Amino acid sequence: MSPVRLIVAPFFFLFLLLLAPCSPHARISSLQTEEIAVFFDSGAEKAAYDVLEAYPAVREEISLLLGQKVGFRPEVRLVKGGETFRKLAGSDRVAAFAIPGKNLIVLDISRAYESPFSLEPLLSHELCHLLLYHAAGKRDLPRWFDEGVCQWASGGFAELAAGDAGGSLAKAVASGTLIPLHRLETFPQEESALLLAYGESRSIVEYIAGEFGARSIREILAHLRAGHSLDEAFRRALSLSPAGLEEKWQGSLKRRYTWFSYASSHLLTFLFFLAALATLCGFMRMLKRKRDYRDEEQEDVPDRE
């Protein structure tokens, strides 16, 4: 790692980073090397050093997975949530987001250390967004592909804190309510649809890697770097159009997720319900027996005159 420079920057300088402090007298510190710059408010020094320490390994891993060197210097802004962060992130469930055109990663450190999040996967996920932007010739990619690759590259990790995306996907397959990929150029805002969008994005990229090998992801990106459209990159790397890939992917999901398999995945819940129902029925039978027994005793007692 290059030598670290600790810099105290005035308010107006980091206003360009979109998340400057509310107070005009506030000052923001930074830790900078030749590879990365981390900007943070007072009290976030530990998190800043954690980012600085984690970055070299994260950068190396993402570069190897995507076959693309990080030829830019990312800037990481550490914040503690807030309304501005929520509006920019687009959801109160998001713990980080990237602005590729500015090589900027914004991390909410009030959540980055809390389950289900973890600092290193968050950093890896957001760095992947920046790298994909550069790999595509500084073009915006369809959100499903961008988000799917970043989840795949960060070990299935998403910046979204939500429910079970896999369960949401299984339910959508079983009920025939998958969102078509052409509608996932951008993601929906409604929570259940957003969760499904993340699940679908991860699933289709994992399908590509599983069916064609991880190398196919790198080949797609290589064709994008060469200036080809995503459709053409898919045809060259996979011998399939995105529409053809979607059809095959959905077919694999239908074989994998049927109503029976969906029910099987919730078998434990169902068994607990049956056990509770059996317990209740047993309790009711016991009460009935007691009541019948008392009635029989009263009938057996002789009348006394």
C-alpha atoms as a PDB file:
ATOM      1  CA  MET A   1       0.000   0.000   0.000  1.00  0.00           C
ATOM      2  CA  SER A   2       1.196   3.509  -0.774  1.00  0.00           C
ATOM      3  CA  PRO A   3       1.950   5.869   2.111  1.00  0.00           C
ATOM      4  CA  VAL A   4      -1.175   7.287   3.716  1.00  0.00           C
ATOM      5  CA  ARG A   5      -1.740  11.026   3.750  1.00  0.00           C
ATOM      6  CA  LEU A   6      -4.168  12.409   6.322  1.00  0.00           C
ATOM      7  CA  ILE A   7      -5.807  15.572   5.038  1.00  0.00           C
ATOM      8  CA  VAL A   8      -8.375  17.866   6.616  1.00  0.00           C
ATOM      9  CA  ALA A   9     -10.558  19.320   3.875  1.00  0.00           C
ATOM     10  CA  PRO A  10     -12.902  22.323   4.211  1.00  0.00           C
ATOM     11  CA  PHE A  11     -16.631  22.015   3.727  1.00  0.00           C
ATOM     12  CA  PHE A  12     -16.890  23.458   0.212  1.00  0.00           C
ATOM     13  CA  PHE A  13     -14.402  20.979  -1.262  1.00  0.00           C
ATOM     14  CA  LEU A  14     -16.396  17.875  -0.427  1.00  0.00           C
ATOM     15  CA  PHE A  15     -19.723  19.461  -1.232  1.00  0.00           C
ATOM     16  CA  LEU A  16     -19.000  18.131  -4.704  1.00  0.00           C
ATOM     17  CA  LEU A  17     -19.252  14.649  -3.204  1.00  0.00           C
ATOM     18  CA  LEU A  18     -22.990  15.299  -2.670  1.00  0.00           C
ATOM     19  CA  LEU A  19     -23.046  14.411   1.001  1.00  0.00           C
ATOM     20  CA  ALA A  20     -21.337  17.264   2.769  1.00  0.00           C
ATOM     21  CA  PRO A  21     -22.163  17.935   6.451  1.00  0.00           C
ATOM     22  CA  CYS A  22     -25.092  20.154   7.294  1.00  0.00           C
ATOM     23  CA  SER A  23     -23.034  22.606   9.334  1.00  0.00           C
ATOM     24  CA  PRO A  24     -21.101  25.216   7.283  1.00  0.00           C
ATOM     25  CA  HIS A  25     -18.316  25.038   9.861  1.00  0.00           C
ATOM     26  CA  ALA A  26     -17.954  21.262   9.663  1.00  0.00           C
ATOM     27  CA  ARG A  27     -14.718  19.830   8.365  1.00  0.00           C
ATOM     28  CA  ILE A  28     -14.143  16.504   6.699  1.00  0.00           C
ATOM     29  CA  SER A  29     -10.976  14.483   6.986  1.00  0.00           C
ATOM     30  CA  SER A  30      -9.514  12.190   4.384  1.00  0.00           C
ATOM     31  CA  LEU A  31      -7.054   9.324   4.153  1.00  0.00           C
ATOM     32  CA  GLN A  32      -5.427   9.118   0.751  1.00  0.00           C
ATOM     33  CA  THR A  33      -3.035   6.824  -1.069  1.00  0.00           C
ATOM     34  CA  GLU A  34      -2.170   6.594  -4.739  1.00  0.00           C
ATOM     35  CA  GLU A  35      -4.928   3.968  -5.146  1.00  0.00           C
ATOM     36  CA  ILE A  36      -7.849   5.323  -3.085  1.00  0.00           C
ATOM     37  CA  ALA A  37      -9.156   8.346  -1.187  1.00  0.00           C
ATOM     38  CA  VAL A  38     -11.436   7.947   1.828  1.00  0.00           C
ATOM     39  CA  PHE A  39     -13.409  10.943   3.123  1.00  0.00           C
ATOM     40  CA  PHE A  40     -15.064  10.868   6.538  1.00  0.00           C
ATOM     41  CA  ASP A  41     -16.518  12.943   9.324  1.00  0.00           C
ATOM     42  CA  SER A  42     -15.250  13.133  12.871  1.00  0.00           C
ATOM     43  CA  GLY A  43     -15.709   9.848  14.738  1.00  0.00           C
ATOM     44  CA  ALA A  44     -15.384   7.652  11.652  1.00  0.00           C
ATOM     45  CA  GLU A  45     -11.608   7.290  11.694  1.00  0.00           C
ATOM     46  CA  LYS A  46     -11.676   3.560  12.453  1.00  0.00           C
ATOM     47  CA  ALA A  47     -14.024   2.831   9.558  1.00  0.00           C
ATOM     48  CA  ALA A  48     -11.826   4.924   7.246  1.00  0.00           C
ATOM     49  CA  TYR A  49      -8.738   2.916   8.190  1.00  0.00           C
ATOM     50  CA  ASP A  50     -10.735  -0.310   7.779  1.00  0.00           C
ATOM     51  CA  VAL A  51     -11.633   0.709   4.207  1.00  0.00           C
ATOM     52  CA  LEU A  52      -8.036   1.655   3.480  1.00  0.00           C
ATOM     53  CA  GLU A  53      -6.795  -1.683   4.811  1.00  0.00           C
ATOM     54  CA  ALA A  54      -9.404  -3.771   2.988  1.00  0.00           C
ATOM     55  CA  TYR A  55      -9.140  -2.059  -0.388  1.00  0.00           C
ATOM     56  CA  PRO A  56      -6.002  -3.696  -1.890  1.00  0.00           C
ATOM     57  CA  ALA A  57      -7.330  -7.250  -1.450  1.00  0.00           C
ATOM     58  CA  VAL A  58     -10.829  -6.237  -2.614  1.00  0.00           C
ATOM     59  CA  ARG A  59      -9.402  -4.545  -5.709  1.00  0.00           C
ATOM     60  CA  GLU A  60      -7.242  -7.560  -6.563  1.00  0.00           C
ATOM     61  CA  GLU A  61     -10.115 -10.030  -6.185  1.00  0.00           C
ATOM     62  CA  ILE A  62     -12.546  -7.997  -8.313  1.00  0.00           C
ATOM     63  CA  SER A  63      -9.890  -7.421 -10.982  1.00  0.00           C
ATOM     64  CA  LEU A  64      -9.211 -11.150 -11.272  1.00  0.00           C
ATOM     65  CA  LEU A  65     -12.882 -12.108 -11.375  1.00  0.00           C
ATOM     66  CA  LEU A  66     -13.794  -9.582 -14.056  1.00  0.00           C
ATOM     67  CA  GLY A  67     -10.543  -9.687 -16.003  1.00  0.00           C
ATOM     68  CA  GLN A  68     -10.327  -5.914 -15.782  1.00  0.00           C
ATOM     69  CA  LYS A  69      -7.729  -3.845 -13.953  1.00  0.00           C
ATOM     70  CA  VAL A  70      -8.866  -0.955 -11.770  1.00  0.00           C
ATOM     71  CA  GLY A  71      -7.297   1.865 -13.731  1.00  0.00           C
ATOM     72  CA  PHE A  72      -8.957   4.636 -11.769  1.00  0.00           C
ATOM     73  CA  ARG A  73      -8.734   5.997  -8.234  1.00  0.00           C
ATOM     74  CA  PRO A  74     -12.017   5.541  -6.385  1.00  0.00           C
ATOM     75  CA  GLU A  75     -13.174   7.983  -3.751  1.00  0.00           C
ATOM     76  CA  VAL A  76     -15.075   6.544  -0.788  1.00  0.00           C
ATOM     77  CA  ARG A  77     -17.339   8.801   1.239  1.00  0.00           C
ATOM     78  CA  LEU A  78     -18.271   7.485   4.677  1.00  0.00           C
ATOM     79  CA  VAL A  79     -21.530   8.823   6.106  1.00  0.00           C
ATOM     80  CA  LYS A  80     -23.879   7.975   8.937  1.00  0.00           C
ATOM     81  CA  GLY A  81     -27.117   7.507   7.050  1.00  0.00           C
ATOM     82  CA  GLY A  82     -29.515  10.424   7.045  1.00  0.00           C
ATOM     83  CA  GLU A  83     -32.261  11.671   4.744  1.00  0.00           C
ATOM     84  CA  THR A  84     -29.853  12.842   2.022  1.00  0.00           C
ATOM     85  CA  PHE A  85     -28.248   9.415   1.851  1.00  0.00           C
ATOM     86  CA  ARG A  86     -31.635   7.703   1.701  1.00  0.00           C
ATOM     87  CA  LYS A  87     -32.832   9.908  -1.153  1.00  0.00           C
ATOM     88  CA  LEU A  88     -29.659   9.387  -3.169  1.00  0.00           C
ATOM     89  CA  ALA A  89     -29.679   5.640  -2.491  1.00  0.00           C
ATOM     90  CA  GLY A  90     -33.313   5.373  -3.534  1.00  0.00           C
ATOM     91  CA  SER A  91     -34.254   3.122  -0.601  1.00  0.00           C
ATOM     92  CA  ASP A  92     -33.948   3.132   3.160  1.00  0.00           C
ATOM     93  CA  ARG A  93     -32.802  -0.497   2.932  1.00  0.00           C
ATOM     94  CA  VAL A  94     -29.620   0.303   1.013  1.00  0.00           C
ATOM     95  CA  ALA A  95     -26.342   0.525   2.936  1.00  0.00           C
ATOM     96  CA  ALA A  96     -24.125   1.720   0.080  1.00  0.00           C
ATOM     97  CA  PHE A  97     -24.273   2.966  -3.479  1.00  0.00           C
ATOM     98  CA  ALA A  98     -21.909   3.952  -6.266  1.00  0.00           C
ATOM     99  CA  ILE A  99     -21.832   6.901  -8.645  1.00  0.00           C
ATOM    100  CA  PRO A 100     -19.708   5.499 -11.490  1.00  0.00           C
ATOM    101  CA  GLY A 101     -19.352   8.763 -13.411  1.00  0.00           C
ATOM    102  CA  LYS A 102     -17.585  10.256 -10.390  1.00  0.00           C
ATOM    103  CA  ASN A 103     -15.699   7.092  -9.345  1.00  0.00           C
ATOM    104  CA  LEU A 104     -17.502   7.577  -6.044  1.00  0.00           C
ATOM    105  CA  ILE A 105     -18.627   5.020  -3.469  1.00  0.00           C
ATOM    106  CA  VAL A 106     -20.854   6.148  -0.602  1.00  0.00           C
ATOM    107  CA  LEU A 107     -21.012   3.869   2.456  1.00  0.00           C
ATOM    108  CA  ASP A 108     -23.395   4.200   5.377  1.00  0.00           C
ATOM    109  CA  ILE A 109     -21.105   3.226   8.250  1.00  0.00           C
ATOM    110  CA  SER A 110     -24.015   3.189  10.685  1.00  0.00           C
ATOM    111  CA  ARG A 111     -25.096  -0.034   8.906  1.00  0.00           C
ATOM    112  CA  ALA A 112     -21.912  -1.349   7.282  1.00  0.00           C
ATOM    113  CA  TYR A 113     -20.946  -3.262  10.430  1.00  0.00           C
ATOM    114  CA  GLU A 114     -24.416  -4.614  11.174  1.00  0.00           C
ATOM    115  CA  SER A 115     -25.939  -7.857   9.877  1.00  0.00           C
ATOM    116  CA  PRO A 116     -26.657  -8.649   7.078  1.00  0.00           C
ATOM    117  CA  PHE A 117     -23.945  -6.254   5.906  1.00  0.00           C
ATOM    118  CA  SER A 118     -20.189  -6.469   6.155  1.00  0.00           C
ATOM    119  CA  LEU A 119     -17.675  -3.806   5.165  1.00  0.00           C
ATOM    120  CA  GLU A 120     -15.497  -5.841   2.779  1.00  0.00           C
ATOM    121  CA  PRO A 121     -18.348  -7.313   0.673  1.00  0.00           C
ATOM    122  CA  LEU A 122     -20.016  -3.886   0.532  1.00  0.00           C
ATOM    123  CA  LEU A 123     -16.797  -2.305  -0.703  1.00  0.00           C
ATOM    124  CA  SER A 124     -16.310  -5.144  -3.187  1.00  0.00           C
ATOM    125  CA  HIS A 125     -19.866  -4.816  -4.500  1.00  0.00           C
ATOM    126  CA  GLU A 126     -19.662  -1.070  -5.035  1.00  0.00           C
ATOM    127  CA  LEU A 127     -16.179  -1.200  -6.559  1.00  0.00           C
ATOM    128  CA  CYS A 128     -17.592  -3.737  -9.016  1.00  0.00           C
ATOM    129  CA  HIS A 129     -20.196  -1.164 -10.127  1.00  0.00           C
ATOM    130  CA  LEU A 130     -17.426   1.337 -10.866  1.00  0.00           C
ATOM    131  CA  LEU A 131     -15.331  -1.236 -12.687  1.00  0.00           C
ATOM    132  CA  LEU A 132     -18.242  -2.388 -14.864  1.00  0.00           C
ATOM    133  CA  TYR A 133     -18.885   1.211 -15.888  1.00  0.00           C
ATOM    134  CA  HIS A 134     -15.293   1.563 -17.054  1.00  0.00           C
ATOM    135  CA  ALA A 135     -15.279  -1.906 -18.640  1.00  0.00           C
ATOM    136  CA  ALA A 136     -18.311  -0.908 -20.719  1.00  0.00           C
ATOM    137  CA  GLY A 137     -16.539   2.178 -22.041  1.00  0.00           C
ATOM    138  CA  LYS A 138     -18.147   4.471 -19.482  1.00  0.00           C
ATOM    139  CA  ARG A 139     -21.613   3.395 -20.577  1.00  0.00           C
ATOM    140  CA  ASP A 140     -24.538   2.615 -18.308  1.00  0.00           C
ATOM    141  CA  LEU A 141     -25.449  -1.072 -18.435  1.00  0.00           C
ATOM    142  CA  PRO A 142     -28.928  -2.532 -17.910  1.00  0.00           C
ATOM    143  CA  ARG A 143     -29.490  -2.619 -14.176  1.00  0.00           C
ATOM    144  CA  TRP A 144     -30.179  -6.369 -14.100  1.00  0.00           C
ATOM    145  CA  PHE A 145     -26.798  -7.150 -15.646  1.00  0.00           C
ATOM    146  CA  ASP A 146     -24.899  -4.574 -13.613  1.00  0.00           C
ATOM    147  CA  GLU A 147     -26.457  -5.644 -10.314  1.00  0.00           C
ATOM    148  CA  GLY A 148     -26.303  -9.341 -11.147  1.00  0.00           C
ATOM    149  CA  VAL A 149     -22.583  -9.274 -11.931  1.00  0.00           C
ATOM    150  CA  CYS A 150     -21.835  -7.276  -8.788  1.00  0.00           C
ATOM    151  CA  GLN A 151     -23.741  -9.734  -6.603  1.00  0.00           C
ATOM    152  CA  TRP A 152     -21.961 -12.636  -8.279  1.00  0.00           C
ATOM    153  CA  ALA A 153     -18.542 -10.971  -7.945  1.00  0.00           C
ATOM    154  CA  SER A 154     -19.067 -10.170  -4.258  1.00  0.00           C
ATOM    155  CA  GLY A 155     -20.098 -13.714  -3.360  1.00  0.00           C
ATOM    156  CA  GLY A 156     -23.854 -13.184  -3.690  1.00  0.00           C
ATOM    157  CA  PHE A 157     -23.762 -10.053  -1.568  1.00  0.00           C
ATOM    158  CA  ALA A 158     -26.190  -7.196  -2.263  1.00  0.00           C
ATOM    159  CA  GLU A 159     -26.233  -3.676  -0.845  1.00  0.00           C
ATOM    160  CA  LEU A 160     -29.908  -4.173  -0.038  1.00  0.00           C
ATOM    161  CA  ALA A 161     -31.126  -5.227   3.395  1.00  0.00           C
ATOM    162  CA  ALA A 162     -34.351  -7.061   2.754  1.00  0.00           C
ATOM    163  CA  GLY A 163     -36.052 -10.397   3.013  1.00  0.00           C
ATOM    164  CA  ASP A 164     -35.247 -13.664   1.308  1.00  0.00           C
ATOM    165  CA  ALA A 165     -34.546 -12.849  -2.362  1.00  0.00           C
ATOM    166  CA  GLY A 166     -34.198 -16.557  -3.156  1.00  0.00           C
ATOM    167  CA  GLY A 167     -37.593 -17.292  -1.643  1.00  0.00           C
ATOM    168  CA  SER A 168     -39.089 -14.356  -3.537  1.00  0.00           C
ATOM    169  CA  LEU A 169     -37.641 -15.747  -6.767  1.00  0.00           C
ATOM    170  CA  ALA A 170     -38.957 -19.258  -6.107  1.00  0.00           C
ATOM    171  CA  LYS A 171     -42.434 -17.920  -5.412  1.00  0.00           C
ATOM    172  CA  ALA A 172     -42.392 -15.804  -8.585  1.00  0.00           C
ATOM    173  CA  VAL A 173     -41.336 -18.789 -10.695  1.00  0.00           C
ATOM    174  CA  ALA A 174     -44.021 -21.019  -9.199  1.00  0.00           C
ATOM    175  CA  SER A 175     -46.717 -18.384  -9.712  1.00  0.00           C
ATOM    176  CA  GLY A 176     -45.511 -17.225 -13.138  1.00  0.00           C
ATOM    177  CA  THR A 177     -44.849 -13.650 -11.993  1.00  0.00           C
ATOM    178  CA  LEU A 178     -41.188 -13.200 -12.921  1.00  0.00           C
ATOM    179  CA  ILE A 179     -40.315  -9.677 -14.071  1.00  0.00           C
ATOM    180  CA  PRO A 180     -39.156  -9.746 -17.737  1.00  0.00           C
ATOM    181  CA  LEU A 181     -35.562  -8.584 -18.164  1.00  0.00           C
ATOM    182  CA  HIS A 182     -36.543  -5.768 -20.534  1.00  0.00           C
ATOM    183  CA  ARG A 183     -38.414  -4.230 -17.595  1.00  0.00           C
ATOM    184  CA  LEU A 184     -35.303  -4.430 -15.417  1.00  0.00           C
ATOM    185  CA  GLU A 185     -33.266  -1.872 -17.349  1.00  0.00           C
ATOM    186  CA  THR A 186     -33.954   0.087 -14.169  1.00  0.00           C
ATOM    187  CA  PHE A 187     -35.233  -1.363 -10.883  1.00  0.00           C
ATOM    188  CA  PRO A 188     -38.695  -0.855  -9.362  1.00  0.00           C
ATOM    189  CA  GLN A 189     -39.137   1.076  -6.134  1.00  0.00           C
ATOM    190  CA  GLU A 190     -41.838  -1.044  -4.508  1.00  0.00           C
ATOM    191  CA  GLU A 191     -40.211  -3.258  -1.887  1.00  0.00           C
ATOM    192  CA  SER A 192     -41.355  -6.729  -2.941  1.00  0.00           C
ATOM    193  CA  ALA A 193     -40.693  -6.000  -6.629  1.00  0.00           C
ATOM    194  CA  LEU A 194     -37.263  -4.562  -5.756  1.00  0.00           C
ATOM    195  CA  LEU A 195     -36.386  -7.690  -3.806  1.00  0.00           C
ATOM    196  CA  LEU A 196     -37.439  -9.856  -6.743  1.00  0.00           C
ATOM    197  CA  ALA A 197     -35.378  -7.700  -9.135  1.00  0.00           C
ATOM    198  CA  TYR A 198     -32.254  -8.319  -7.045  1.00  0.00           C
ATOM    199  CA  GLY A 199     -33.030 -12.030  -6.888  1.00  0.00           C
ATOM    200  CA  GLU A 200     -33.570 -12.323 -10.640  1.00  0.00           C
ATOM    201  CA  SER A 201     -30.406 -10.354 -11.423  1.00  0.00           C
ATOM    202  CA  ARG A 202     -28.256 -12.553  -9.237  1.00  0.00           C
ATOM    203  CA  SER A 203     -29.891 -15.730 -10.524  1.00  0.00           C
ATOM    204  CA  ILE A 204     -29.386 -15.056 -14.240  1.00  0.00           C
ATOM    205  CA  VAL A 205     -25.716 -14.082 -13.853  1.00  0.00           C
ATOM    206  CA  GLU A 206     -25.102 -17.161 -11.695  1.00  0.00           C
ATOM    207  CA  TYR A 207     -26.831 -19.164 -14.454  1.00  0.00           C
ATOM    208  CA  ILE A 208     -24.415 -17.697 -17.032  1.00  0.00           C
ATOM    209  CA  ALA A 209     -21.399 -18.531 -14.859  1.00  0.00           C
ATOM    210  CA  GLY A 210     -22.704 -22.024 -14.119  1.00  0.00           C
ATOM    211  CA  GLU A 211     -23.784 -22.885 -17.659  1.00  0.00           C
ATOM    212  CA  PHE A 212     -20.985 -21.238 -19.641  1.00  0.00           C
ATOM    213  CA  GLY A 213     -18.253 -20.864 -17.008  1.00  0.00           C
ATOM    214  CA  ALA A 214     -16.995 -17.824 -15.114  1.00  0.00           C
ATOM    215  CA  ARG A 215     -14.811 -17.047 -18.109  1.00  0.00           C
ATOM    216  CA  SER A 216     -17.955 -16.155 -20.074  1.00  0.00           C
ATOM    217  CA  ILE A 217     -18.561 -13.144 -17.814  1.00  0.00           C
ATOM    218  CA  ARG A 218     -15.059 -11.878 -18.587  1.00  0.00           C
ATOM    219  CA  GLU A 219     -15.648 -12.489 -22.298  1.00  0.00           C
ATOM    220  CA  ILE A 220     -18.841 -10.434 -22.241  1.00  0.00           C
ATOM    221  CA  LEU A 221     -16.964  -7.587 -20.572  1.00  0.00           C
ATOM    222  CA  ALA A 222     -14.106  -7.885 -23.084  1.00  0.00           C
ATOM    223  CA  HIS A 223     -16.585  -7.433 -25.945  1.00  0.00           C
ATOM    224  CA  LEU A 224     -18.113  -4.454 -24.159  1.00  0.00           C
ATOM    225  CA  ARG A 225     -14.633  -2.921 -23.818  1.00  0.00           C
ATOM    226  CA  ALA A 226     -14.217  -3.414 -27.563  1.00  0.00           C
ATOM    227  CA  GLY A 227     -17.235  -1.184 -28.095  1.00  0.00           C
ATOM    228  CA  HIS A 228     -19.930  -3.767 -28.768  1.00  0.00           C
ATOM    229  CA  SER A 229     -23.455  -3.431 -27.417  1.00  0.00           C
ATOM    230  CA  LEU A 230     -24.599  -5.778 -24.663  1.00  0.00           C
ATOM    231  CA  ASP A 231     -26.697  -7.738 -27.168  1.00  0.00           C
ATOM    232  CA  GLU A 232     -23.697  -8.221 -29.444  1.00  0.00           C
ATOM    233  CA  ALA A 233     -21.417  -9.045 -26.498  1.00  0.00           C
ATOM    234  CA  PHE A 234     -23.849 -11.798 -25.465  1.00  0.00           C
ATOM    235  CA  ARG A 235     -24.012 -13.206 -28.992  1.00  0.00           C
ATOM    236  CA  ARG A 236     -20.230 -13.277 -29.299  1.00  0.00           C
ATOM    237  CA  ALA A 237     -19.550 -14.699 -25.819  1.00  0.00           C
ATOM    238  CA  LEU A 238     -22.535 -17.037 -25.393  1.00  0.00           C
ATOM    239  CA  SER A 239     -23.860 -17.520 -28.934  1.00  0.00           C
ATOM    240  CA  LEU A 240     -27.164 -16.281 -27.517  1.00  0.00           C
ATOM    241  CA  SER A 241     -29.050 -13.009 -27.479  1.00  0.00           C
ATOM    242  CA  PRO A 242     -30.203 -11.708 -24.075  1.00  0.00           C
ATOM    243  CA  ALA A 243     -33.732 -12.797 -25.045  1.00  0.00           C
ATOM    244  CA  GLY A 244     -32.499 -16.306 -25.883  1.00  0.00           C
ATOM    245  CA  LEU A 245     -30.550 -16.432 -22.639  1.00  0.00           C
ATOM    246  CA  GLU A 246     -33.615 -15.310 -20.690  1.00  0.00           C
ATOM    247  CA  GLU A 247     -35.671 -18.118 -22.196  1.00  0.00           C
ATOM    248  CA  LYS A 248     -33.121 -20.771 -21.251  1.00  0.00           C
ATOM    249  CA  TRP A 249     -32.658 -19.296 -17.775  1.00  0.00           C
ATOM    250  CA  GLN A 250     -36.399 -19.250 -17.107  1.00  0.00           C
ATOM    251  CA  GLY A 251     -36.650 -22.846 -18.310  1.00  0.00           C
ATOM    252  CA  SER A 252     -33.986 -23.879 -15.814  1.00  0.00           C
ATOM    253  CA  LEU A 253     -35.840 -22.046 -13.046  1.00  0.00           C
ATOM    254  CA  LYS A 254     -39.118 -23.768 -13.875  1.00  0.00           C
ATOM    255  CA  ARG A 255     -37.425 -27.154 -13.630  1.00  0.00           C
ATOM    256  CA  ARG A 256     -35.865 -26.163 -10.348  1.00  0.00           C
ATOM    257  CA  TYR A 257     -38.705 -24.281  -8.684  1.00  0.00           C
ATOM    258  CA  THR A 258     -42.070 -26.015  -8.899  1.00  0.00           C
ATOM    259  CA  TRP A 259     -44.909 -25.627  -6.413  1.00  0.00           C
ATOM    260  CA  PHE A 260     -43.729 -28.885  -4.897  1.00  0.00           C
ATOM    261  CA  SER A 261     -40.147 -27.666  -4.436  1.00  0.00           C
ATOM    262  CA  TYR A 262     -41.397 -24.307  -3.147  1.00  0.00           C
ATOM    263  CA  ALA A 263     -43.604 -26.107  -0.614  1.00  0.00           C
ATOM    264  CA  SER A 264     -40.688 -28.410   0.272  1.00  0.00           C
ATOM    265  CA  SER A 265     -38.486 -25.405   1.010  1.00  0.00           C
ATOM    266  CA  HIS A 266     -41.106 -24.317   3.557  1.00  0.00           C
ATOM    267  CA  LEU A 267     -41.606 -27.827   4.919  1.00  0.00           C
ATOM    268  CA  LEU A 268     -40.230 -26.968   8.358  1.00  0.00           C
ATOM    269  CA  THR A 269     -42.728 -24.139   8.779  1.00  0.00           C
ATOM    270  CA  PHE A 270     -45.522 -26.439   7.622  1.00  0.00           C
ATOM    271  CA  LEU A 271     -44.443 -29.170  10.068  1.00  0.00           C
ATOM    272  CA  PHE A 272     -44.366 -26.684  12.943  1.00  0.00           C
ATOM    273  CA  PHE A 273     -47.885 -25.625  11.991  1.00  0.00           C
ATOM    274  CA  LEU A 274     -49.068 -29.255  11.933  1.00  0.00           C
ATOM    275  CA  ALA A 275     -47.387 -29.920  15.283  1.00  0.00           C
ATOM    276  CA  ALA A 276     -49.068 -26.871  16.817  1.00  0.00           C
ATOM    277  CA  LEU A 277     -52.406 -27.947  15.353  1.00  0.00           C
ATOM    278  CA  ALA A 278     -51.961 -31.488  16.699  1.00  0.00           C
ATOM    279  CA  THR A 279     -51.084 -30.098  20.130  1.00  0.00           C
ATOM    280  CA  LEU A 280     -54.197 -27.932  20.115  1.00  0.00           C
ATOM    281  CA  CYS A 281     -56.394 -30.857  19.042  1.00  0.00           C
ATOM    282  CA  GLY A 282     -54.867 -33.027  21.766  1.00  0.00           C
ATOM    283  CA  PHE A 283     -55.512 -30.352  24.354  1.00  0.00           C
ATOM    284  CA  MET A 284     -59.131 -30.023  23.251  1.00  0.00           C
ATOM    285  CA  ARG A 285     -59.583 -33.817  23.417  1.00  0.00           C
ATOM    286  CA  MET A 286     -58.119 -33.855  26.913  1.00  0.00           C
ATOM    287  CA  LEU A 287     -60.546 -31.159  28.053  1.00  0.00           C
ATOM    288  CA  LYS A 288     -63.437 -33.110  26.540  1.00  0.00           C
ATOM    289  CA  ARG A 289     -62.348 -36.313  28.335  1.00  0.00           C
ATOM    290  CA  LYS A 290     -62.129 -34.459  31.647  1.00  0.00           C
ATOM    291  CA  ARG A 291     -65.552 -32.994  31.137  1.00  0.00           C
ATOM    292  CA  ASP A 292     -67.022 -36.415  30.191  1.00  0.00           C
ATOM    293  CA  TYR A 293     -65.308 -38.010  33.204  1.00  0.00           C
ATOM    294  CA  ARG A 294     -66.814 -35.455  35.575  1.00  0.00           C
ATOM    295  CA  ASP A 295     -70.255 -36.001  34.059  1.00  0.00           C
ATOM    296  CA  GLU A 296     -69.913 -39.784  34.515  1.00  0.00           C
ATOM    297  CA  GLU A 297     -68.883 -39.369  38.171  1.00  0.00           C
ATOM    298  CA  GLN A 298     -71.885 -37.192  38.869  1.00  0.00           C
ATOM    299  CA  GLU A 299     -74.170 -39.798  37.285  1.00  0.00           C
ATOM    300  CA  ASP A 300     -72.650 -42.550  39.462  1.00  0.00           C
ATOM    301  CA  VAL A 301     -73.229 -40.757  42.768  1.00  0.00           C
ATOM    302  CA  PRO A 302     -76.498 -42.136  44.373  1.00  0.00           C
ATOM    303  CA  ASP A 303     -79.165 -39.657  45.325  1.00  0.00           C
ATOM    304  CA  ARG A 304     -79.432 -39.119  49.077  1.00  0.00           C
ATOM    305  CA  GLU A 305     -82.797 -38.525  50.610  1.00  0.00           C
END
